[in-house]
Amino acid sequence: MKTFKLINLDILEKQGEELHTLTVDLIDGLIINREDDQNRWLIEAYTDQEYLELFQNAKKVDRDLVLQVKISKETNQPATFLVKVVDINQIGDNMNVLFTGTIVNKKQEYIEQVLQDLIDQGYQGQELLEKFRKKFTSSV
């Protein structure tokens, strides 16, 4: 297992056609790559209890959450995780929330989005392949 410091935690939620971000103010946090056969990660967020109801509701209905986190340094690129709330512990005026989940392959998502955009623009066959190569290599 590998353990890292959790620097930033955002919850991403789609509301209608828009993507909204809720930044969770962290007091402290850890993220652990369990290095198991299911590629699961454990995320612990130590925060104020103002988020208690949000996380209790997510746990109660067993709802998946999409988290975007920064690991180790503020300058690192965020990583996206699909998680479930495993446990919530009240600690004085604060709480810790434990999540388990897997990292989302952002590169794969980006490739699929570029391809879908080109298909939506009406490209197909060899022309689609050429536009995809041009757009993909210029965007990555």
N, C-alpha and C. Protein backbone atom coordinates (compact mmCIF):
# COMPACT_ATOMS: atom_id res chain seq x y z
N MET A 1 0.84 -1.18 0.00
CA MET A 1 0.00 0.00 0.00
C MET A 1 0.89 1.24 0.00
N LYS A 2 0.38 2.27 -0.64
CA LYS A 2 1.07 3.55 -0.68
C LYS A 2 0.14 4.62 -0.13
N THR A 3 0.66 5.45 0.76
CA THR A 3 -0.14 6.49 1.41
C THR A 3 0.35 7.87 0.97
N PHE A 4 -0.60 8.76 0.69
CA PHE A 4 -0.28 10.12 0.25
C PHE A 4 -1.12 11.11 1.05
N LYS A 5 -0.67 12.34 1.09
CA LYS A 5 -1.42 13.41 1.75
C LYS A 5 -2.51 13.90 0.79
N LEU A 6 -3.71 14.05 1.32
CA LEU A 6 -4.83 14.60 0.56
C LEU A 6 -4.80 16.12 0.72
N ILE A 7 -4.64 16.83 -0.37
CA ILE A 7 -4.48 18.28 -0.35
C ILE A 7 -5.80 19.00 -0.62
N ASN A 8 -6.59 18.47 -1.55
CA ASN A 8 -7.83 19.13 -1.96
C ASN A 8 -8.87 18.07 -2.31
N LEU A 9 -10.15 18.34 -2.00
CA LEU A 9 -11.22 17.40 -2.32
C LEU A 9 -12.42 18.18 -2.83
N ASP A 10 -12.84 17.87 -4.04
CA ASP A 10 -14.04 18.45 -4.64
C ASP A 10 -15.01 17.33 -4.96
N ILE A 11 -16.30 17.60 -4.77
CA ILE A 11 -17.35 16.68 -5.18
C ILE A 11 -17.95 17.22 -6.46
N LEU A 12 -17.99 16.40 -7.50
CA LEU A 12 -18.55 16.80 -8.78
C LEU A 12 -19.95 16.22 -8.90
N GLU A 13 -20.92 17.10 -9.24
CA GLU A 13 -22.31 16.64 -9.39
C GLU A 13 -22.89 17.25 -10.66
N LYS A 14 -23.58 16.42 -11.42
CA LYS A 14 -24.27 16.91 -12.61
C LYS A 14 -25.68 17.32 -12.20
N GLN A 15 -26.01 18.57 -12.46
CA GLN A 15 -27.36 19.08 -12.19
C GLN A 15 -27.90 19.60 -13.51
N GLY A 16 -28.82 18.82 -14.09
CA GLY A 16 -29.31 19.16 -15.43
C GLY A 16 -28.19 18.94 -16.42
N GLU A 17 -27.88 19.96 -17.19
CA GLU A 17 -26.80 19.87 -18.18
C GLU A 17 -25.48 20.43 -17.65
N GLU A 18 -25.49 20.96 -16.42
CA GLU A 18 -24.31 21.60 -15.88
C GLU A 18 -23.62 20.73 -14.84
N LEU A 19 -22.30 20.86 -14.79
CA LEU A 19 -21.50 20.16 -13.80
C LEU A 19 -21.15 21.15 -12.69
N HIS A 20 -21.54 20.82 -11.47
CA HIS A 20 -21.28 21.68 -10.32
C HIS A 20 -20.20 21.06 -9.45
N THR A 21 -19.39 21.92 -8.87
CA THR A 21 -18.31 21.48 -8.00
C THR A 21 -18.52 22.02 -6.59
N LEU A 22 -18.46 21.13 -5.62
CA LEU A 22 -18.52 21.52 -4.22
C LEU A 22 -17.15 21.23 -3.62
N THR A 23 -16.45 22.28 -3.22
CA THR A 23 -15.15 22.11 -2.59
C THR A 23 -15.35 21.86 -1.10
N VAL A 24 -14.81 20.76 -0.62
CA VAL A 24 -14.88 20.41 0.79
C VAL A 24 -13.64 20.99 1.47
N ASP A 25 -13.87 21.86 2.45
CA ASP A 25 -12.76 22.45 3.18
C ASP A 25 -12.15 21.39 4.10
N LEU A 26 -10.93 21.01 3.79
CA LEU A 26 -10.25 19.97 4.55
C LEU A 26 -9.47 20.55 5.72
N ILE A 27 -9.49 19.85 6.83
CA ILE A 27 -8.58 20.12 7.93
C ILE A 27 -7.32 19.29 7.70
N ASP A 28 -7.55 18.05 7.26
CA ASP A 28 -6.46 17.13 6.97
C ASP A 28 -7.03 15.99 6.14
N GLY A 29 -6.17 15.16 5.61
CA GLY A 29 -6.66 14.02 4.87
C GLY A 29 -5.55 13.14 4.34
N LEU A 30 -5.91 11.90 4.06
CA LEU A 30 -5.00 10.91 3.50
C LEU A 30 -5.68 10.20 2.34
N ILE A 31 -4.87 9.70 1.44
CA ILE A 31 -5.37 8.85 0.37
C ILE A 31 -4.41 7.67 0.25
N ILE A 32 -4.99 6.48 0.21
CA ILE A 32 -4.18 5.26 0.22
C ILE A 32 -4.51 4.42 -1.01
N ASN A 33 -3.48 4.11 -1.78
CA ASN A 33 -3.62 3.16 -2.87
C ASN A 33 -3.47 1.78 -2.25
N ARG A 34 -4.57 1.05 -2.20
CA ARG A 34 -4.54 -0.26 -1.54
C ARG A 34 -3.77 -1.30 -2.34
N GLU A 35 -3.54 -1.02 -3.62
CA GLU A 35 -2.80 -1.92 -4.50
C GLU A 35 -3.36 -3.34 -4.46
N ASP A 36 -4.69 -3.44 -4.40
CA ASP A 36 -5.33 -4.75 -4.41
C ASP A 36 -5.73 -5.11 -5.84
N ASP A 37 -6.31 -6.29 -6.02
CA ASP A 37 -6.64 -6.76 -7.36
C ASP A 37 -7.80 -6.00 -7.99
N GLN A 38 -8.51 -5.18 -7.22
CA GLN A 38 -9.61 -4.38 -7.76
C GLN A 38 -9.22 -2.91 -7.94
N ASN A 39 -7.93 -2.59 -7.70
CA ASN A 39 -7.41 -1.24 -7.87
C ASN A 39 -8.18 -0.21 -7.03
N ARG A 40 -8.54 -0.58 -5.81
CA ARG A 40 -9.31 0.32 -4.95
C ARG A 40 -8.39 1.25 -4.16
N TRP A 41 -8.94 2.42 -3.88
CA TRP A 41 -8.27 3.43 -3.07
C TRP A 41 -9.13 3.71 -1.86
N LEU A 42 -8.49 4.12 -0.77
CA LEU A 42 -9.17 4.56 0.43
C LEU A 42 -8.83 6.03 0.62
N ILE A 43 -9.87 6.84 0.79
CA ILE A 43 -9.69 8.28 0.98
C ILE A 43 -10.28 8.64 2.34
N GLU A 44 -9.49 9.34 3.15
CA GLU A 44 -9.98 9.83 4.44
C GLU A 44 -9.91 11.34 4.44
N ALA A 45 -11.07 11.97 4.65
CA ALA A 45 -11.16 13.43 4.71
C ALA A 45 -11.54 13.83 6.13
N TYR A 46 -10.71 14.62 6.75
CA TYR A 46 -10.99 15.16 8.08
C TYR A 46 -11.45 16.60 7.87
N THR A 47 -12.69 16.88 8.27
CA THR A 47 -13.31 18.16 7.92
C THR A 47 -14.30 18.60 8.99
N ASP A 48 -14.86 19.76 8.78
CA ASP A 48 -15.88 20.32 9.66
C ASP A 48 -17.19 19.54 9.49
N GLN A 49 -18.04 19.56 10.50
CA GLN A 49 -19.30 18.82 10.43
C GLN A 49 -20.36 19.47 9.54
N GLU A 50 -20.04 20.59 8.92
CA GLU A 50 -21.03 21.23 8.04
C GLU A 50 -21.42 20.32 6.87
N TYR A 51 -20.60 19.32 6.56
CA TYR A 51 -20.87 18.41 5.45
C TYR A 51 -21.53 17.11 5.92
N LEU A 52 -21.84 17.01 7.20
CA LEU A 52 -22.35 15.77 7.78
C LEU A 52 -23.59 15.26 7.05
N GLU A 53 -24.58 16.11 6.86
CA GLU A 53 -25.83 15.68 6.22
C GLU A 53 -25.60 15.18 4.79
N LEU A 54 -24.76 15.87 4.05
CA LEU A 54 -24.44 15.48 2.67
C LEU A 54 -23.88 14.06 2.64
N PHE A 55 -22.89 13.80 3.48
CA PHE A 55 -22.25 12.49 3.47
C PHE A 55 -23.13 11.41 4.08
N GLN A 56 -23.93 11.75 5.10
CA GLN A 56 -24.85 10.77 5.66
C GLN A 56 -25.88 10.34 4.61
N ASN A 57 -26.41 11.30 3.85
CA ASN A 57 -27.38 10.97 2.80
C ASN A 57 -26.76 10.10 1.72
N ALA A 58 -25.54 10.40 1.31
CA ALA A 58 -24.87 9.60 0.29
C ALA A 58 -24.66 8.17 0.79
N LYS A 59 -24.30 8.03 2.05
CA LYS A 59 -24.08 6.70 2.61
C LYS A 59 -25.41 5.94 2.75
N LYS A 60 -26.43 6.64 3.22
CA LYS A 60 -27.73 6.01 3.46
C LYS A 60 -28.32 5.41 2.18
N VAL A 61 -28.22 6.13 1.07
CA VAL A 61 -28.80 5.64 -0.18
C VAL A 61 -27.77 4.88 -1.04
N ASP A 62 -26.56 4.68 -0.46
CA ASP A 62 -25.50 3.94 -1.15
C ASP A 62 -25.19 4.57 -2.52
N ARG A 63 -25.13 5.90 -2.53
CA ARG A 63 -24.93 6.65 -3.76
C ARG A 63 -23.44 6.80 -4.09
N ASP A 64 -23.10 6.60 -5.36
CA ASP A 64 -21.74 6.86 -5.83
C ASP A 64 -21.51 8.36 -5.87
N LEU A 65 -20.31 8.75 -5.49
CA LEU A 65 -19.89 10.14 -5.60
C LEU A 65 -18.69 10.21 -6.53
N VAL A 66 -18.59 11.31 -7.26
CA VAL A 66 -17.41 11.56 -8.08
C VAL A 66 -16.59 12.62 -7.35
N LEU A 67 -15.38 12.23 -6.97
CA LEU A 67 -14.48 13.14 -6.28
C LEU A 67 -13.32 13.50 -7.18
N GLN A 68 -12.93 14.74 -7.10
CA GLN A 68 -11.71 15.17 -7.78
C GLN A 68 -10.77 15.62 -6.66
N VAL A 69 -9.61 14.99 -6.58
CA VAL A 69 -8.70 15.26 -5.47
C VAL A 69 -7.32 15.64 -5.98
N LYS A 70 -6.63 16.41 -5.16
CA LYS A 70 -5.21 16.67 -5.39
C LYS A 70 -4.44 15.94 -4.32
N ILE A 71 -3.38 15.31 -4.75
CA ILE A 71 -2.58 14.47 -3.88
C ILE A 71 -1.17 15.07 -3.73
N SER A 72 -0.69 15.12 -2.52
CA SER A 72 0.68 15.50 -2.16
C SER A 72 0.99 16.99 -2.27
N LYS A 73 0.72 17.62 -3.44
CA LYS A 73 1.04 19.03 -3.62
C LYS A 73 -0.11 19.74 -4.34
N GLU A 74 -0.33 21.00 -4.00
CA GLU A 74 -1.38 21.80 -4.63
C GLU A 74 -1.15 21.92 -6.14
N THR A 75 0.10 21.86 -6.58
CA THR A 75 0.42 22.03 -8.00
C THR A 75 0.19 20.77 -8.82
N ASN A 76 -0.08 19.64 -8.18
CA ASN A 76 -0.36 18.40 -8.91
C ASN A 76 -1.70 18.47 -9.63
N GLN A 77 -1.80 17.75 -10.74
CA GLN A 77 -3.05 17.64 -11.47
C GLN A 77 -4.05 16.87 -10.62
N PRO A 78 -5.33 17.24 -10.65
CA PRO A 78 -6.31 16.49 -9.88
C PRO A 78 -6.56 15.10 -10.47
N ALA A 79 -6.88 14.17 -9.59
CA ALA A 79 -7.26 12.82 -10.00
C ALA A 79 -8.74 12.66 -9.69
N THR A 80 -9.43 11.93 -10.55
CA THR A 80 -10.88 11.74 -10.40
C THR A 80 -11.16 10.32 -9.92
N PHE A 81 -12.04 10.21 -8.91
CA PHE A 81 -12.38 8.93 -8.32
C PHE A 81 -13.89 8.74 -8.29
N LEU A 82 -14.34 7.52 -8.47
CA LEU A 82 -15.73 7.13 -8.27
C LEU A 82 -15.74 6.35 -6.96
N VAL A 83 -16.46 6.90 -5.95
CA VAL A 83 -16.36 6.36 -4.60
C VAL A 83 -17.73 6.18 -3.95
N LYS A 84 -17.71 5.47 -2.83
CA LYS A 84 -18.85 5.37 -1.93
C LYS A 84 -18.37 5.77 -0.54
N VAL A 85 -19.28 6.36 0.24
CA VAL A 85 -18.99 6.67 1.63
C VAL A 85 -19.06 5.36 2.42
N VAL A 86 -17.97 5.04 3.12
CA VAL A 86 -17.89 3.81 3.89
C VAL A 86 -18.23 4.06 5.35
N ASP A 87 -17.72 5.18 5.88
CA ASP A 87 -17.92 5.44 7.30
C ASP A 87 -17.79 6.93 7.57
N ILE A 88 -18.49 7.38 8.60
CA ILE A 88 -18.43 8.77 9.06
C ILE A 88 -18.24 8.72 10.57
N ASN A 89 -17.24 9.43 11.07
CA ASN A 89 -16.96 9.45 12.50
C ASN A 89 -16.93 10.89 12.98
N GLN A 90 -17.79 11.21 13.95
CA GLN A 90 -17.77 12.55 14.53
C GLN A 90 -16.66 12.60 15.56
N ILE A 91 -15.85 13.66 15.47
CA ILE A 91 -14.71 13.84 16.36
C ILE A 91 -14.78 15.27 16.88
N GLY A 92 -15.39 15.45 18.04
CA GLY A 92 -15.58 16.80 18.58
C GLY A 92 -16.46 17.61 17.64
N ASP A 93 -15.98 18.79 17.25
CA ASP A 93 -16.71 19.65 16.32
C ASP A 93 -16.44 19.28 14.86
N ASN A 94 -15.62 18.27 14.65
CA ASN A 94 -15.23 17.88 13.30
C ASN A 94 -15.66 16.44 13.03
N MET A 95 -15.27 15.95 11.88
CA MET A 95 -15.59 14.57 11.52
C MET A 95 -14.58 14.07 10.50
N ASN A 96 -14.47 12.76 10.40
CA ASN A 96 -13.73 12.20 9.29
C ASN A 96 -14.69 11.35 8.47
N VAL A 97 -14.47 11.37 7.18
CA VAL A 97 -15.29 10.60 6.24
C VAL A 97 -14.35 9.66 5.50
N LEU A 98 -14.72 8.39 5.45
CA LEU A 98 -13.93 7.40 4.72
C LEU A 98 -14.67 7.01 3.46
N PHE A 99 -13.94 7.04 2.35
CA PHE A 99 -14.48 6.67 1.04
C PHE A 99 -13.63 5.52 0.50
N THR A 100 -14.26 4.62 -0.25
CA THR A 100 -13.49 3.66 -1.04
C THR A 100 -13.99 3.75 -2.48
N GLY A 101 -13.07 3.56 -3.39
CA GLY A 101 -13.45 3.62 -4.80
C GLY A 101 -12.26 3.41 -5.70
N THR A 102 -12.50 3.70 -6.95
CA THR A 102 -11.47 3.51 -7.96
C THR A 102 -11.21 4.81 -8.70
N ILE A 103 -10.00 4.91 -9.21
CA ILE A 103 -9.61 6.08 -9.99
C ILE A 103 -10.24 5.95 -11.38
N VAL A 104 -10.67 7.09 -11.92
CA VAL A 104 -11.30 7.12 -13.24
C VAL A 104 -10.21 7.44 -14.26
N ASN A 105 -10.20 6.70 -15.35
CA ASN A 105 -9.20 6.92 -16.38
C ASN A 105 -9.58 8.15 -17.20
N LYS A 106 -9.04 9.29 -16.84
CA LYS A 106 -9.40 10.55 -17.50
C LYS A 106 -8.92 10.59 -18.95
N LYS A 107 -7.78 9.97 -19.24
CA LYS A 107 -7.29 9.99 -20.61
C LYS A 107 -8.27 9.25 -21.53
N GLN A 108 -8.76 8.10 -21.07
CA GLN A 108 -9.73 7.34 -21.86
C GLN A 108 -11.00 8.15 -22.08
N GLU A 109 -11.48 8.82 -21.02
CA GLU A 109 -12.67 9.66 -21.15
C GLU A 109 -12.45 10.76 -22.16
N TYR A 110 -11.28 11.38 -22.13
CA TYR A 110 -10.97 12.47 -23.06
C TYR A 110 -10.96 11.95 -24.50
N ILE A 111 -10.36 10.81 -24.72
CA ILE A 111 -10.31 10.22 -26.07
C ILE A 111 -11.73 9.95 -26.57
N GLU A 112 -12.57 9.37 -25.71
CA GLU A 112 -13.94 9.08 -26.11
C GLU A 112 -14.72 10.36 -26.40
N GLN A 113 -14.48 11.41 -25.63
CA GLN A 113 -15.16 12.68 -25.85
C GLN A 113 -14.75 13.30 -27.19
N VAL A 114 -13.46 13.28 -27.50
CA VAL A 114 -12.98 13.82 -28.78
C VAL A 114 -13.60 13.05 -29.93
N LEU A 115 -13.62 11.74 -29.83
CA LEU A 115 -14.19 10.91 -30.89
C LEU A 115 -15.69 11.17 -31.05
N GLN A 116 -16.41 11.25 -29.95
CA GLN A 116 -17.85 11.52 -30.02
C GLN A 116 -18.13 12.89 -30.63
N ASP A 117 -17.34 13.90 -30.29
CA ASP A 117 -17.51 15.24 -30.87
C ASP A 117 -17.35 15.20 -32.39
N LEU A 118 -16.36 14.47 -32.86
CA LEU A 118 -16.13 14.38 -34.31
C LEU A 118 -17.27 13.62 -35.00
N ILE A 119 -17.76 12.56 -34.39
CA ILE A 119 -18.89 11.82 -34.95
C ILE A 119 -20.12 12.73 -35.01
N ASP A 120 -20.34 13.50 -33.94
CA ASP A 120 -21.47 14.44 -33.90
C ASP A 120 -21.36 15.51 -34.98
N GLN A 121 -20.13 15.82 -35.39
CA GLN A 121 -19.91 16.80 -36.45
C GLN A 121 -20.10 16.19 -37.84
N GLY A 122 -20.36 14.89 -37.87
CA GLY A 122 -20.68 14.23 -39.14
C GLY A 122 -19.52 13.52 -39.81
N TYR A 123 -18.36 13.46 -39.19
CA TYR A 123 -17.23 12.77 -39.79
C TYR A 123 -17.42 11.27 -39.68
N GLN A 124 -16.95 10.54 -40.69
CA GLN A 124 -17.00 9.09 -40.67
C GLN A 124 -15.91 8.53 -41.56
N GLY A 125 -15.66 7.23 -41.41
CA GLY A 125 -14.68 6.54 -42.23
C GLY A 125 -13.28 7.11 -42.09
N GLN A 126 -12.57 7.18 -43.22
CA GLN A 126 -11.19 7.66 -43.26
C GLN A 126 -11.07 9.11 -42.81
N GLU A 127 -12.07 9.92 -43.19
CA GLU A 127 -12.06 11.33 -42.79
C GLU A 127 -12.14 11.46 -41.26
N LEU A 128 -12.96 10.62 -40.63
CA LEU A 128 -13.06 10.61 -39.17
C LEU A 128 -11.70 10.26 -38.55
N LEU A 129 -11.07 9.24 -39.08
CA LEU A 129 -9.77 8.81 -38.57
C LEU A 129 -8.73 9.93 -38.69
N GLU A 130 -8.69 10.60 -39.83
CA GLU A 130 -7.73 11.69 -40.03
C GLU A 130 -8.00 12.86 -39.10
N LYS A 131 -9.26 13.26 -38.96
CA LYS A 131 -9.61 14.36 -38.06
C LYS A 131 -9.30 13.99 -36.61
N PHE A 132 -9.59 12.75 -36.24
CA PHE A 132 -9.32 12.29 -34.89
C PHE A 132 -7.83 12.36 -34.58
N ARG A 133 -7.02 11.84 -35.48
CA ARG A 133 -5.57 11.87 -35.27
C ARG A 133 -5.06 13.31 -35.13
N LYS A 134 -5.55 14.18 -36.02
CA LYS A 134 -5.12 15.57 -35.99
C LYS A 134 -5.56 16.25 -34.68
N LYS A 135 -6.81 16.08 -34.32
CA LYS A 135 -7.33 16.72 -33.12
C LYS A 135 -6.71 16.13 -31.85
N PHE A 136 -6.56 14.83 -31.82
CA PHE A 136 -6.04 14.18 -30.63
C PHE A 136 -4.58 14.56 -30.40
N THR A 137 -3.77 14.52 -31.43
CA THR A 137 -2.34 14.83 -31.25
C THR A 137 -2.12 16.31 -30.96
N SER A 138 -3.00 17.17 -31.42
CA SER A 138 -2.83 18.60 -31.13
C SER A 138 -3.38 18.99 -29.77
N SER A 139 -4.23 18.13 -29.16
CA SER A 139 -4.88 18.46 -27.90
C SER A 139 -4.23 17.84 -26.68
N VAL A 140 -3.49 16.75 -26.86
CA VAL A 140 -2.94 16.04 -25.70
C VAL A 140 -1.63 16.62 -25.26
